[in-house]
Amino acid sequence: MINDIAKDKPEHELKRIEDIFVRTSYFEYMFWEMAEEVSMWPVKDLAKN
């Protein structure tokens, strides 16, 4: 699906798509890490950024 979305996109759009993909992957990782560690979402930490 990502390949279809990225097809024929200019380089600046590909960079934006990559940034979105990496950020959402990080949030996915944080979610599962939180579940495994039985911890709370670091809302205060995210608000500082």
PDB file of N, CA and C in Angstrom:
ATOM      1  N   MET A   1       0.837  -1.182   0.000  1.00  0.00           N
ATOM      2  CA  MET A   1       0.000   0.000   0.000  1.00  0.00           C
ATOM      3  C   MET A   1       0.887   1.253   0.000  1.00  0.00           C
ATOM      4  N   ILE A   2       1.929   1.245   0.823  1.00  0.00           N
ATOM      5  CA  ILE A   2       2.828   2.404   0.878  1.00  0.00           C
ATOM      6  C   ILE A   2       3.496   2.620  -0.478  1.00  0.00           C
ATOM      7  N   ASN A   3       3.884   1.531  -1.137  1.00  0.00           N
ATOM      8  CA  ASN A   3       4.489   1.658  -2.460  1.00  0.00           C
ATOM      9  C   ASN A   3       3.533   2.321  -3.449  1.00  0.00           C
ATOM     10  N   ASP A   4       2.255   1.964  -3.374  1.00  0.00           N
ATOM     11  CA  ASP A   4       1.264   2.592  -4.252  1.00  0.00           C
ATOM     12  C   ASP A   4       1.112   4.080  -3.945  1.00  0.00           C
ATOM     13  N   ILE A   5       1.101   4.420  -2.673  1.00  0.00           N
ATOM     14  CA  ILE A   5       0.976   5.826  -2.273  1.00  0.00           C
ATOM     15  C   ILE A   5       2.196   6.620  -2.716  1.00  0.00           C
ATOM     16  N   ALA A   6       3.374   6.027  -2.595  1.00  0.00           N
ATOM     17  CA  ALA A   6       4.625   6.734  -2.879  1.00  0.00           C
ATOM     18  C   ALA A   6       4.966   6.802  -4.365  1.00  0.00           C
ATOM     19  N   LYS A   7       4.327   5.996  -5.157  1.00  0.00           N
ATOM     20  CA  LYS A   7       4.656   5.929  -6.584  1.00  0.00           C
ATOM     21  C   LYS A   7       4.515   7.306  -7.246  1.00  0.00           C
ATOM     22  N   ASP A   8       5.553   7.703  -7.957  1.00  0.00           N
ATOM     23  CA  ASP A   8       5.582   8.952  -8.740  1.00  0.00           C
ATOM     24  C   ASP A   8       5.501  10.227  -7.899  1.00  0.00           C
ATOM     25  N   LYS A   9       5.747  10.129  -6.605  1.00  0.00           N
ATOM     26  CA  LYS A   9       5.741  11.321  -5.745  1.00  0.00           C
ATOM     27  C   LYS A   9       7.091  12.020  -5.855  1.00  0.00           C
ATOM     28  N   PRO A  10       7.111  13.343  -5.782  1.00  0.00           N
ATOM     29  CA  PRO A  10       8.399  14.050  -5.753  1.00  0.00           C
ATOM     30  C   PRO A  10       9.127  13.787  -4.429  1.00  0.00           C
ATOM     31  N   GLU A  11      10.424  14.026  -4.436  1.00  0.00           N
ATOM     32  CA  GLU A  11      11.273  13.716  -3.284  1.00  0.00           C
ATOM     33  C   GLU A  11      10.782  14.380  -1.997  1.00  0.00           C
ATOM     34  N   HIS A  12      10.327  15.630  -2.045  1.00  0.00           N
ATOM     35  CA  HIS A  12       9.879  16.308  -0.824  1.00  0.00           C
ATOM     36  C   HIS A  12       8.634  15.639  -0.234  1.00  0.00           C
ATOM     37  N   GLU A  13       7.773  15.107  -1.073  1.00  0.00           N
ATOM     38  CA  GLU A  13       6.606  14.388  -0.559  1.00  0.00           C
ATOM     39  C   GLU A  13       7.001  13.031   0.011  1.00  0.00           C
ATOM     40  N   LEU A  14       7.966  12.371  -0.622  1.00  0.00           N
ATOM     41  CA  LEU A  14       8.450  11.094  -0.087  1.00  0.00           C
ATOM     42  C   LEU A  14       9.062  11.286   1.286  1.00  0.00           C
ATOM     43  N   LYS A  15       9.789  12.376   1.479  1.00  0.00           N
ATOM     44  CA  LYS A  15      10.377  12.672   2.792  1.00  0.00           C
ATOM     45  C   LYS A  15       9.268  12.858   3.831  1.00  0.00           C
ATOM     46  N   ARG A  16       8.214  13.557   3.478  1.00  0.00           N
ATOM     47  CA  ARG A  16       7.078  13.768   4.394  1.00  0.00           C
ATOM     48  C   ARG A  16       6.397  12.445   4.738  1.00  0.00           C
ATOM     49  N   ILE A  17       6.194  11.599   3.737  1.00  0.00           N
ATOM     50  CA  ILE A  17       5.592  10.282   3.973  1.00  0.00           C
ATOM     51  C   ILE A  17       6.475   9.456   4.900  1.00  0.00           C
ATOM     52  N   GLU A  18       7.784   9.504   4.668  1.00  0.00           N
ATOM     53  CA  GLU A  18       8.718   8.780   5.526  1.00  0.00           C
ATOM     54  C   GLU A  18       8.650   9.290   6.961  1.00  0.00           C
ATOM     55  N   ASP A  19       8.616  10.597   7.145  1.00  0.00           N
ATOM     56  CA  ASP A  19       8.524  11.172   8.490  1.00  0.00           C
ATOM     57  C   ASP A  19       7.258  10.714   9.207  1.00  0.00           C
ATOM     58  N   ILE A  20       6.150  10.715   8.498  1.00  0.00           N
ATOM     59  CA  ILE A  20       4.874  10.272   9.079  1.00  0.00           C
ATOM     60  C   ILE A  20       4.956   8.789   9.458  1.00  0.00           C
ATOM     61  N   PHE A  21       5.512   7.975   8.579  1.00  0.00           N
ATOM     62  CA  PHE A  21       5.622   6.546   8.832  1.00  0.00           C
ATOM     63  C   PHE A  21       6.499   6.269  10.057  1.00  0.00           C
ATOM     64  N   VAL A  22       7.637   6.946  10.136  1.00  0.00           N
ATOM     65  CA  VAL A  22       8.549   6.736  11.268  1.00  0.00           C
ATOM     66  C   VAL A  22       7.891   7.179  12.573  1.00  0.00           C
ATOM     67  N   ARG A  23       7.232   8.338  12.561  1.00  0.00           N
ATOM     68  CA  ARG A  23       6.586   8.843  13.780  1.00  0.00           C
ATOM     69  C   ARG A  23       5.478   7.907  14.248  1.00  0.00           C
ATOM     70  N   THR A  24       4.640   7.454  13.336  1.00  0.00           N
ATOM     71  CA  THR A  24       3.548   6.564  13.744  1.00  0.00           C
ATOM     72  C   THR A  24       4.086   5.210  14.203  1.00  0.00           C
ATOM     73  N   SER A  25       5.169   4.743  13.586  1.00  0.00           N
ATOM     74  CA  SER A  25       5.794   3.496  14.035  1.00  0.00           C
ATOM     75  C   SER A  25       6.328   3.636  15.452  1.00  0.00           C
ATOM     76  N   TYR A  26       6.903   4.793  15.754  1.00  0.00           N
ATOM     77  CA  TYR A  26       7.410   5.049  17.099  1.00  0.00           C
ATOM     78  C   TYR A  26       6.272   5.029  18.123  1.00  0.00           C
ATOM     79  N   PHE A  27       5.141   5.659  17.785  1.00  0.00           N
ATOM     80  CA  PHE A  27       4.003   5.641  18.694  1.00  0.00           C
ATOM     81  C   PHE A  27       3.466   4.222  18.875  1.00  0.00           C
ATOM     82  N   GLU A  28       3.461   3.433  17.826  1.00  0.00           N
ATOM     83  CA  GLU A  28       3.048   2.030  17.926  1.00  0.00           C
ATOM     84  C   GLU A  28       3.979   1.278  18.879  1.00  0.00           C
ATOM     85  N   TYR A  29       5.276   1.489  18.705  1.00  0.00           N
ATOM     86  CA  TYR A  29       6.256   0.871  19.604  1.00  0.00           C
ATOM     87  C   TYR A  29       6.002   1.301  21.051  1.00  0.00           C
ATOM     88  N   MET A  30       5.794   2.600  21.264  1.00  0.00           N
ATOM     89  CA  MET A  30       5.549   3.100  22.621  1.00  0.00           C
ATOM     90  C   MET A  30       4.307   2.460  23.228  1.00  0.00           C
ATOM     91  N   PHE A  31       3.261   2.285  22.434  1.00  0.00           N
ATOM     92  CA  PHE A  31       2.027   1.673  22.921  1.00  0.00           C
ATOM     93  C   PHE A  31       2.286   0.250  23.433  1.00  0.00           C
ATOM     94  N   TRP A  32       2.966  -0.563  22.612  1.00  0.00           N
ATOM     95  CA  TRP A  32       3.200  -1.945  23.010  1.00  0.00           C
ATOM     96  C   TRP A  32       4.203  -2.037  24.148  1.00  0.00           C
ATOM     97  N   GLU A  33       5.168  -1.152  24.188  1.00  0.00           N
ATOM     98  CA  GLU A  33       6.109  -1.112  25.303  1.00  0.00           C
ATOM     99  C   GLU A  33       5.371  -0.767  26.597  1.00  0.00           C
ATOM    100  N   MET A  34       4.461   0.189  26.519  1.00  0.00           N
ATOM    101  CA  MET A  34       3.661   0.575  27.667  1.00  0.00           C
ATOM    102  C   MET A  34       2.818  -0.609  28.164  1.00  0.00           C
ATOM    103  N   ALA A  35       2.227  -1.340  27.223  1.00  0.00           N
ATOM    104  CA  ALA A  35       1.405  -2.495  27.602  1.00  0.00           C
ATOM    105  C   ALA A  35       2.251  -3.565  28.282  1.00  0.00           C
ATOM    106  N   GLU A  36       3.421  -3.815  27.737  1.00  0.00           N
ATOM    107  CA  GLU A  36       4.290  -4.840  28.312  1.00  0.00           C
ATOM    108  C   GLU A  36       4.799  -4.441  29.691  1.00  0.00           C
ATOM    109  N   GLU A  37       5.128  -3.189  29.863  1.00  0.00           N
ATOM    110  CA  GLU A  37       5.663  -2.699  31.132  1.00  0.00           C
ATOM    111  C   GLU A  37       4.578  -2.286  32.121  1.00  0.00           C
ATOM    112  N   VAL A  38       3.316  -2.348  31.698  1.00  0.00           N
ATOM    113  CA  VAL A  38       2.168  -1.915  32.496  1.00  0.00           C
ATOM    114  C   VAL A  38       2.438  -0.508  33.053  1.00  0.00           C
ATOM    115  N   SER A  39       2.706   0.404  32.132  1.00  0.00           N
ATOM    116  CA  SER A  39       2.973   1.787  32.522  1.00  0.00           C
ATOM    117  C   SER A  39       1.982   2.715  31.843  1.00  0.00           C
ATOM    118  N   MET A  40       2.035   3.977  32.210  1.00  0.00           N
ATOM    119  CA  MET A  40       1.129   4.967  31.651  1.00  0.00           C
ATOM    120  C   MET A  40       1.766   5.658  30.458  1.00  0.00           C
ATOM    121  N   TRP A  41       0.928   6.147  29.564  1.00  0.00           N
ATOM    122  CA  TRP A  41       1.392   6.904  28.399  1.00  0.00           C
ATOM    123  C   TRP A  41       2.080   8.177  28.891  1.00  0.00           C
ATOM    124  N   PRO A  42       3.249   8.515  28.348  1.00  0.00           N
ATOM    125  CA  PRO A  42       4.008   9.678  28.852  1.00  0.00           C
ATOM    126  C   PRO A  42       3.448  11.012  28.326  1.00  0.00           C
ATOM    127  N   VAL A  43       2.215  11.310  28.676  1.00  0.00           N
ATOM    128  CA  VAL A  43       1.541  12.506  28.192  1.00  0.00           C
ATOM    129  C   VAL A  43       2.314  13.764  28.575  1.00  0.00           C
ATOM    130  N   LYS A  44       2.787  13.855  29.798  1.00  0.00           N
ATOM    131  CA  LYS A  44       3.515  15.045  30.228  1.00  0.00           C
ATOM    132  C   LYS A  44       4.776  15.234  29.410  1.00  0.00           C
ATOM    133  N   ASP A  45       5.488  14.165  29.111  1.00  0.00           N
ATOM    134  CA  ASP A  45       6.706  14.250  28.312  1.00  0.00           C
ATOM    135  C   ASP A  45       6.400  14.745  26.895  1.00  0.00           C
ATOM    136  N   LEU A  46       5.306  14.297  26.307  1.00  0.00           N
ATOM    137  CA  LEU A  46       4.953  14.710  24.952  1.00  0.00           C
ATOM    138  C   LEU A  46       4.521  16.162  24.909  1.00  0.00           C
ATOM    139  N   ALA A  47       3.907  16.654  25.953  1.00  0.00           N
ATOM    140  CA  ALA A  47       3.450  18.048  26.005  1.00  0.00           C
ATOM    141  C   ALA A  47       4.606  19.025  26.008  1.00  0.00           C
ATOM    142  N   LYS A  48       5.767  18.599  26.468  1.00  0.00           N
ATOM    143  CA  LYS A  48       6.932  19.491  26.533  1.00  0.00           C
ATOM    144  C   LYS A  48       7.543  19.712  25.150  1.00  0.00           C
ATOM    145  N   ASN A  49       7.302  18.818  24.213  1.00  0.00           N
ATOM    146  CA  ASN A  49       7.929  18.925  22.892  1.00  0.00           C
ATOM    147  C   ASN A  49       7.182  19.826  22.015  1.00  0.00           C
TER     148      ASN A  49
END
